Amino acid sequence: MLLGTITGNVVSTKKIEKLTGCKFMRVKIESSKQELIAVDAVGAGIGETVLVTTGHNASYAANVKDLPVDAVIVGIVD
């Protein structure tokens, strides 16, 4: 689990049909200078601090088990 801040959104004009309706966000990870693209499962907005899960279990968090999803926003930090 990673802690990060949403820096923007990503618009994809073409994607796998099962990902239609999924929102992609740019997340800057707090513990490094790394940025990644994550599927937003909780409705977070730009500037919010979020929890991101990565790896194999991320696809289960986004409920897209058969698709290549590697990072998912699973929580908003108050």
PDB file of N, CA and C in Angstrom:
ATOM      1  N   MET A   1       0.861  -1.171   0.000  1.00  0.00           N
ATOM      2  CA  MET A   1       0.000   0.000   0.000  1.00  0.00           C
ATOM      3  C   MET A   1       0.903   1.229   0.000  1.00  0.00           C
ATOM      4  N   LEU A   2       0.559   2.194  -0.854  1.00  0.00           N
ATOM      5  CA  LEU A   2       1.348   3.410  -0.994  1.00  0.00           C
ATOM      6  C   LEU A   2       0.496   4.627  -0.658  1.00  0.00           C
ATOM      7  N   LEU A   3       1.154   5.676  -0.168  1.00  0.00           N
ATOM      8  CA  LEU A   3       0.494   6.941   0.115  1.00  0.00           C
ATOM      9  C   LEU A   3       0.914   7.921  -0.968  1.00  0.00           C
ATOM     10  N   GLY A   4      -0.063   8.623  -1.563  1.00  0.00           N
ATOM     11  CA  GLY A   4       0.266   9.545  -2.634  1.00  0.00           C
ATOM     12  C   GLY A   4      -0.729  10.685  -2.735  1.00  0.00           C
ATOM     13  N   THR A   5      -0.414  11.631  -3.620  1.00  0.00           N
ATOM     14  CA  THR A   5      -1.279  12.781  -3.867  1.00  0.00           C
ATOM     15  C   THR A   5      -1.660  12.793  -5.338  1.00  0.00           C
ATOM     16  N   ILE A   6      -2.924  13.016  -5.616  1.00  0.00           N
ATOM     17  CA  ILE A   6      -3.396  13.052  -6.999  1.00  0.00           C
ATOM     18  C   ILE A   6      -2.971  14.374  -7.629  1.00  0.00           C
ATOM     19  N   THR A   7      -2.269  14.272  -8.770  1.00  0.00           N
ATOM     20  CA  THR A   7      -1.772  15.455  -9.451  1.00  0.00           C
ATOM     21  C   THR A   7      -2.534  15.763 -10.732  1.00  0.00           C
ATOM     22  N   GLY A   8      -3.362  14.862 -11.186  1.00  0.00           N
ATOM     23  CA  GLY A   8      -4.128  15.108 -12.412  1.00  0.00           C
ATOM     24  C   GLY A   8      -4.874  13.872 -12.847  1.00  0.00           C
ATOM     25  N   ASN A   9      -5.606  14.022 -13.940  1.00  0.00           N
ATOM     26  CA  ASN A   9      -6.312  12.871 -14.485  1.00  0.00           C
ATOM     27  C   ASN A   9      -5.765  12.550 -15.866  1.00  0.00           C
ATOM     28  N   VAL A  10      -6.061  11.360 -16.340  1.00  0.00           N
ATOM     29  CA  VAL A  10      -5.591  10.897 -17.636  1.00  0.00           C
ATOM     30  C   VAL A  10      -6.811  10.529 -18.455  1.00  0.00           C
ATOM     31  N   VAL A  11      -6.862  11.047 -19.682  1.00  0.00           N
ATOM     32  CA  VAL A  11      -7.978  10.739 -20.575  1.00  0.00           C
ATOM     33  C   VAL A  11      -7.491   9.734 -21.603  1.00  0.00           C
ATOM     34  N   SER A  12      -8.216   8.642 -21.729  1.00  0.00           N
ATOM     35  CA  SER A  12      -7.881   7.606 -22.689  1.00  0.00           C
ATOM     36  C   SER A  12      -9.008   7.513 -23.708  1.00  0.00           C
ATOM     37  N   THR A  13      -8.688   7.781 -24.963  1.00  0.00           N
ATOM     38  CA  THR A  13      -9.727   7.738 -25.995  1.00  0.00           C
ATOM     39  C   THR A  13     -10.034   6.313 -26.436  1.00  0.00           C
ATOM     40  N   LYS A  14      -9.066   5.423 -26.288  1.00  0.00           N
ATOM     41  CA  LYS A  14      -9.275   4.013 -26.602  1.00  0.00           C
ATOM     42  C   LYS A  14      -8.788   3.191 -25.425  1.00  0.00           C
ATOM     43  N   LYS A  15      -9.598   2.227 -25.011  1.00  0.00           N
ATOM     44  CA  LYS A  15      -9.202   1.334 -23.929  1.00  0.00           C
ATOM     45  C   LYS A  15      -9.974   0.039 -24.040  1.00  0.00           C
ATOM     46  N   ILE A  16      -9.585  -0.934 -23.265  1.00  0.00           N
ATOM     47  CA  ILE A  16     -10.280  -2.210 -23.219  1.00  0.00           C
ATOM     48  C   ILE A  16     -11.724  -1.947 -22.809  1.00  0.00           C
ATOM     49  N   GLU A  17     -12.650  -2.592 -23.474  1.00  0.00           N
ATOM     50  CA  GLU A  17     -14.076  -2.325 -23.256  1.00  0.00           C
ATOM     51  C   GLU A  17     -14.492  -2.470 -21.795  1.00  0.00           C
ATOM     52  N   LYS A  18     -13.939  -3.431 -21.081  1.00  0.00           N
ATOM     53  CA  LYS A  18     -14.304  -3.631 -19.675  1.00  0.00           C
ATOM     54  C   LYS A  18     -13.842  -2.489 -18.773  1.00  0.00           C
ATOM     55  N   LEU A  19     -12.896  -1.660 -19.250  1.00  0.00           N
ATOM     56  CA  LEU A  19     -12.432  -0.517 -18.466  1.00  0.00           C
ATOM     57  C   LEU A  19     -13.219   0.754 -18.773  1.00  0.00           C
ATOM     58  N   THR A  20     -14.191   0.677 -19.656  1.00  0.00           N
ATOM     59  CA  THR A  20     -15.026   1.835 -19.953  1.00  0.00           C
ATOM     60  C   THR A  20     -15.752   2.255 -18.679  1.00  0.00           C
ATOM     61  N   GLY A  21     -15.667   3.517 -18.360  1.00  0.00           N
ATOM     62  CA  GLY A  21     -16.280   4.025 -17.134  1.00  0.00           C
ATOM     63  C   GLY A  21     -15.294   4.153 -15.986  1.00  0.00           C
ATOM     64  N   CYS A  22     -14.117   3.541 -16.111  1.00  0.00           N
ATOM     65  CA  CYS A  22     -13.084   3.671 -15.084  1.00  0.00           C
ATOM     66  C   CYS A  22     -12.352   4.995 -15.269  1.00  0.00           C
ATOM     67  N   LYS A  23     -12.073   5.670 -14.164  1.00  0.00           N
ATOM     68  CA  LYS A  23     -11.356   6.942 -14.199  1.00  0.00           C
ATOM     69  C   LYS A  23      -9.891   6.673 -13.872  1.00  0.00           C
ATOM     70  N   PHE A  24      -8.987   7.222 -14.699  1.00  0.00           N
ATOM     71  CA  PHE A  24      -7.555   7.074 -14.486  1.00  0.00           C
ATOM     72  C   PHE A  24      -6.994   8.371 -13.911  1.00  0.00           C
ATOM     73  N   MET A  25      -6.178   8.275 -12.855  1.00  0.00           N
ATOM     74  CA  MET A  25      -5.608   9.442 -12.184  1.00  0.00           C
ATOM     75  C   MET A  25      -4.084   9.311 -12.099  1.00  0.00           C
ATOM     76  N   ARG A  26      -3.388  10.471 -12.185  1.00  0.00           N
ATOM     77  CA  ARG A  26      -1.943  10.526 -11.955  1.00  0.00           C
ATOM     78  C   ARG A  26      -1.727  10.705 -10.463  1.00  0.00           C
ATOM     79  N   VAL A  27      -0.882   9.862  -9.881  1.00  0.00           N
ATOM     80  CA  VAL A  27      -0.623   9.904  -8.445  1.00  0.00           C
ATOM     81  C   VAL A  27       0.876  10.042  -8.213  1.00  0.00           C
ATOM     82  N   LYS A  28       1.272  11.063  -7.427  1.00  0.00           N
ATOM     83  CA  LYS A  28       2.671  11.230  -7.023  1.00  0.00           C
ATOM     84  C   LYS A  28       2.842  10.539  -5.681  1.00  0.00           C
ATOM     85  N   ILE A  29       3.716   9.560  -5.647  1.00  0.00           N
ATOM     86  CA  ILE A  29       3.946   8.780  -4.433  1.00  0.00           C
ATOM     87  C   ILE A  29       4.774   9.608  -3.451  1.00  0.00           C
ATOM     88  N   GLU A  30       4.335   9.669  -2.188  1.00  0.00           N
ATOM     89  CA  GLU A  30       4.951  10.521  -1.168  1.00  0.00           C
ATOM     90  C   GLU A  30       6.383  10.113  -0.820  1.00  0.00           C
ATOM     91  N   SER A  31       6.675   8.834  -0.744  1.00  0.00           N
ATOM     92  CA  SER A  31       7.981   8.375  -0.283  1.00  0.00           C
ATOM     93  C   SER A  31       9.057   8.400  -1.367  1.00  0.00           C
ATOM     94  N   SER A  32       8.691   8.767  -2.592  1.00  0.00           N
ATOM     95  CA  SER A  32       9.657   8.825  -3.687  1.00  0.00           C
ATOM     96  C   SER A  32       9.237   9.894  -4.688  1.00  0.00           C
ATOM     97  N   LYS A  33      10.009  10.043  -5.737  1.00  0.00           N
ATOM     98  CA  LYS A  33       9.656  10.989  -6.790  1.00  0.00           C
ATOM     99  C   LYS A  33       8.841  10.308  -7.890  1.00  0.00           C
ATOM    100  N   GLN A  34       8.453   9.079  -7.659  1.00  0.00           N
ATOM    101  CA  GLN A  34       7.719   8.282  -8.638  1.00  0.00           C
ATOM    102  C   GLN A  34       6.291   8.787  -8.826  1.00  0.00           C
ATOM    103  N   GLU A  35       5.835   8.774 -10.058  1.00  0.00           N
ATOM    104  CA  GLU A  35       4.423   9.031 -10.366  1.00  0.00           C
ATOM    105  C   GLU A  35       3.889   7.808 -11.088  1.00  0.00           C
ATOM    106  N   LEU A  36       2.632   7.504 -10.865  1.00  0.00           N
ATOM    107  CA  LEU A  36       2.025   6.379 -11.553  1.00  0.00           C
ATOM    108  C   LEU A  36       0.591   6.707 -11.936  1.00  0.00           C
ATOM    109  N   ILE A  37       0.045   5.897 -12.813  1.00  0.00           N
ATOM    110  CA  ILE A  37      -1.342   6.023 -13.239  1.00  0.00           C
ATOM    111  C   ILE A  37      -2.128   4.937 -12.519  1.00  0.00           C
ATOM    112  N   ALA A  38      -3.214   5.319 -11.864  1.00  0.00           N
ATOM    113  CA  ALA A  38      -4.012   4.360 -11.100  1.00  0.00           C
ATOM    114  C   ALA A  38      -5.478   4.493 -11.464  1.00  0.00           C
ATOM    115  N   VAL A  39      -6.187   3.376 -11.424  1.00  0.00           N
ATOM    116  CA  VAL A  39      -7.633   3.377 -11.594  1.00  0.00           C
ATOM    117  C   VAL A  39      -8.247   3.898 -10.302  1.00  0.00           C
ATOM    118  N   ASP A  40      -9.165   4.842 -10.412  1.00  0.00           N
ATOM    119  CA  ASP A  40      -9.804   5.434  -9.230  1.00  0.00           C
ATOM    120  C   ASP A  40     -11.062   4.640  -8.888  1.00  0.00           C
ATOM    121  N   ALA A  41     -11.016   3.913  -7.770  1.00  0.00           N
ATOM    122  CA  ALA A  41     -12.151   3.103  -7.349  1.00  0.00           C
ATOM    123  C   ALA A  41     -13.007   3.806  -6.294  1.00  0.00           C
ATOM    124  N   VAL A  42     -12.594   5.021  -5.846  1.00  0.00           N
ATOM    125  CA  VAL A  42     -13.299   5.673  -4.739  1.00  0.00           C
ATOM    126  C   VAL A  42     -13.800   7.083  -5.050  1.00  0.00           C
ATOM    127  N   GLY A  43     -13.523   7.605  -6.233  1.00  0.00           N
ATOM    128  CA  GLY A  43     -14.001   8.939  -6.588  1.00  0.00           C
ATOM    129  C   GLY A  43     -13.167  10.068  -6.020  1.00  0.00           C
ATOM    130  N   ALA A  44     -11.861   9.896  -5.991  1.00  0.00           N
ATOM    131  CA  ALA A  44     -10.961  10.923  -5.461  1.00  0.00           C
ATOM    132  C   ALA A  44     -10.782  12.052  -6.470  1.00  0.00           C
ATOM    133  N   GLY A  45     -10.342  13.213  -5.974  1.00  0.00           N
ATOM    134  CA  GLY A  45     -10.134  14.371  -6.833  1.00  0.00           C
ATOM    135  C   GLY A  45      -8.711  14.883  -6.765  1.00  0.00           C
ATOM    136  N   ILE A  46      -8.392  15.801  -7.661  1.00  0.00           N
ATOM    137  CA  ILE A  46      -7.049  16.374  -7.743  1.00  0.00           C
ATOM    138  C   ILE A  46      -6.707  17.080  -6.425  1.00  0.00           C
ATOM    139  N   GLY A  47      -5.487  16.831  -5.936  1.00  0.00           N
ATOM    140  CA  GLY A  47      -5.010  17.434  -4.700  1.00  0.00           C
ATOM    141  C   GLY A  47      -5.264  16.599  -3.461  1.00  0.00           C
ATOM    142  N   GLU A  48      -6.058  15.559  -3.558  1.00  0.00           N
ATOM    143  CA  GLU A  48      -6.356  14.729  -2.380  1.00  0.00           C
ATOM    144  C   GLU A  48      -5.243  13.723  -2.138  1.00  0.00           C
ATOM    145  N   THR A  49      -5.033  13.399  -0.865  1.00  0.00           N
ATOM    146  CA  THR A  49      -4.092  12.368  -0.470  1.00  0.00           C
ATOM    147  C   THR A  49      -4.829  11.038  -0.474  1.00  0.00           C
ATOM    148  N   VAL A  50      -4.230  10.032  -1.125  1.00  0.00           N
ATOM    149  CA  VAL A  50      -4.926   8.761  -1.325  1.00  0.00           C
ATOM    150  C   VAL A  50      -4.038   7.574  -0.967  1.00  0.00           C
ATOM    151  N   LEU A  51      -4.679   6.432  -0.765  1.00  0.00           N
ATOM    152  CA  LEU A  51      -3.997   5.151  -0.588  1.00  0.00           C
ATOM    153  C   LEU A  51      -4.098   4.394  -1.897  1.00  0.00           C
ATOM    154  N   VAL A  52      -2.968   3.847  -2.341  1.00  0.00           N
ATOM    155  CA  VAL A  52      -2.916   3.127  -3.612  1.00  0.00           C
ATOM    156  C   VAL A  52      -2.391   1.730  -3.350  1.00  0.00           C
ATOM    157  N   THR A  53      -3.055   0.735  -3.900  1.00  0.00           N
ATOM    158  CA  THR A  53      -2.556  -0.631  -3.846  1.00  0.00           C
ATOM    159  C   THR A  53      -2.036  -0.986  -5.227  1.00  0.00           C
ATOM    160  N   THR A  54      -0.959  -1.755  -5.260  1.00  0.00           N
ATOM    161  CA  THR A  54      -0.330  -2.099  -6.533  1.00  0.00           C
ATOM    162  C   THR A  54      -0.112  -3.601  -6.629  1.00  0.00           C
ATOM    163  N   GLY A  55       0.247  -4.029  -7.808  1.00  0.00           N
ATOM    164  CA  GLY A  55       0.562  -5.428  -8.025  1.00  0.00           C
ATOM    165  C   GLY A  55      -0.656  -6.266  -8.362  1.00  0.00           C
ATOM    166  N   HIS A  56      -0.509  -7.556  -8.165  1.00  0.00           N
ATOM    167  CA  HIS A  56      -1.539  -8.529  -8.542  1.00  0.00           C
ATOM    168  C   HIS A  56      -2.892  -8.252  -7.893  1.00  0.00           C
ATOM    169  N   ASN A  57      -2.908  -7.870  -6.637  1.00  0.00           N
ATOM    170  CA  ASN A  57      -4.171  -7.659  -5.922  1.00  0.00           C
ATOM    171  C   ASN A  57      -4.910  -6.401  -6.350  1.00  0.00           C
ATOM    172  N   ALA A  58      -4.252  -5.511  -7.077  1.00  0.00           N
ATOM    173  CA  ALA A  58      -4.908  -4.279  -7.529  1.00  0.00           C
ATOM    174  C   ALA A  58      -6.091  -4.584  -8.439  1.00  0.00           C
ATOM    175  N   SER A  59      -5.963  -5.592  -9.274  1.00  0.00           N
ATOM    176  CA  SER A  59      -7.068  -5.917 -10.183  1.00  0.00           C
ATOM    177  C   SER A  59      -8.297  -6.391  -9.412  1.00  0.00           C
ATOM    178  N   TYR A  60      -8.110  -7.014  -8.275  1.00  0.00           N
ATOM    179  CA  TYR A  60      -9.249  -7.429  -7.454  1.00  0.00           C
ATOM    180  C   TYR A  60      -9.919  -6.219  -6.799  1.00  0.00           C
ATOM    181  N   ALA A  61      -9.130  -5.235  -6.399  1.00  0.00           N
ATOM    182  CA  ALA A  61      -9.674  -4.034  -5.769  1.00  0.00           C
ATOM    183  C   ALA A  61     -10.530  -3.238  -6.745  1.00  0.00           C
ATOM    184  N   ALA A  62     -10.162  -3.248  -8.029  1.00  0.00           N
ATOM    185  CA  ALA A  62     -10.918  -2.517  -9.047  1.00  0.00           C
ATOM    186  C   ALA A  62     -12.037  -3.355  -9.639  1.00  0.00           C
ATOM    187  N   ASN A  63     -12.154  -4.609  -9.202  1.00  0.00           N
ATOM    188  CA  ASN A  63     -13.172  -5.529  -9.697  1.00  0.00           C
ATOM    189  C   ASN A  63     -13.027  -5.771 -11.204  1.00  0.00           C
ATOM    190  N   VAL A  64     -11.785  -5.847 -11.657  1.00  0.00           N
ATOM    191  CA  VAL A  64     -11.480  -6.158 -13.056  1.00  0.00           C
ATOM    192  C   VAL A  64     -10.433  -7.279 -13.075  1.00  0.00           C
ATOM    193  N   LYS A  65     -10.795  -8.436 -12.560  1.00  0.00           N
ATOM    194  CA  LYS A  65      -9.861  -9.528 -12.309  1.00  0.00           C
ATOM    195  C   LYS A  65      -9.097 -10.002 -13.548  1.00  0.00           C
ATOM    196  N   ASP A  66      -9.685  -9.909 -14.722  1.00  0.00           N
ATOM    197  CA  ASP A  66      -9.053 -10.458 -15.922  1.00  0.00           C
ATOM    198  C   ASP A  66      -8.304  -9.414 -16.737  1.00  0.00           C
ATOM    199  N   LEU A  67      -8.143  -8.207 -16.225  1.00  0.00           N
ATOM    200  CA  LEU A  67      -7.535  -7.128 -16.990  1.00  0.00           C
ATOM    201  C   LEU A  67      -6.199  -6.693 -16.393  1.00  0.00           C
ATOM    202  N   PRO A  68      -5.325  -6.104 -17.206  1.00  0.00           N
ATOM    203  CA  PRO A  68      -3.989  -5.715 -16.735  1.00  0.00           C
ATOM    204  C   PRO A  68      -3.979  -4.398 -15.962  1.00  0.00           C
ATOM    205  N   VAL A  69      -4.546  -4.412 -14.764  1.00  0.00           N
ATOM    206  CA  VAL A  69      -4.556  -3.231 -13.899  1.00  0.00           C
ATOM    207  C   VAL A  69      -3.491  -3.442 -12.831  1.00  0.00           C
ATOM    208  N   ASP A  70      -2.571  -2.471 -12.701  1.00  0.00           N
ATOM    209  CA  ASP A  70      -1.455  -2.639 -11.780  1.00  0.00           C
ATOM    210  C   ASP A  70      -1.507  -1.700 -10.576  1.00  0.00           C
ATOM    211  N   ALA A  71      -2.368  -0.672 -10.610  1.00  0.00           N
ATOM    212  CA  ALA A  71      -2.469   0.263  -9.491  1.00  0.00           C
ATOM    213  C   ALA A  71      -3.912   0.747  -9.369  1.00  0.00           C
ATOM    214  N   VAL A  72      -4.425   0.768  -8.135  1.00  0.00           N
ATOM    215  CA  VAL A  72      -5.802   1.178  -7.884  1.00  0.00           C
ATOM    216  C   VAL A  72      -5.841   2.048  -6.639  1.00  0.00           C
ATOM    217  N   ILE A  73      -6.575   3.172  -6.742  1.00  0.00           N
ATOM    218  CA  ILE A  73      -6.805   4.031  -5.579  1.00  0.00           C
ATOM    219  C   ILE A  73      -7.921   3.383  -4.756  1.00  0.00           C
ATOM    220  N   VAL A  74      -7.603   3.034  -3.500  1.00  0.00           N
ATOM    221  CA  VAL A  74      -8.570   2.319  -2.672  1.00  0.00           C
ATOM    222  C   VAL A  74      -9.051   3.121  -1.469  1.00  0.00           C
ATOM    223  N   GLY A  75      -8.493   4.315  -1.248  1.00  0.00           N
ATOM    224  CA  GLY A  75      -8.943   5.105  -0.107  1.00  0.00           C
ATOM    225  C   GLY A  75      -8.505   6.549  -0.202  1.00  0.00           C
ATOM    226  N   ILE A  76      -9.269   7.433   0.443  1.00  0.00           N
ATOM    227  CA  ILE A  76      -8.952   8.854   0.524  1.00  0.00           C
ATOM    228  C   ILE A  76      -8.587   9.137   1.969  1.00  0.00           C
ATOM    229  N   VAL A  77      -7.445   9.782   2.195  1.00  0.00           N
ATOM    230  CA  VAL A  77      -6.975  10.094   3.547  1.00  0.00           C
ATOM    231  C   VAL A  77      -7.569  11.422   3.976  1.00  0.00           C
ATOM    232  N   ASP A  78      -8.182  11.436   5.154  1.00  0.00           N
ATOM    233  CA  ASP A  78      -8.771  12.681   5.699  1.00  0.00           C
ATOM    234  C   ASP A  78      -7.720  13.540   6.351  1.00  0.00           C
TER     235      ASP A  78
END
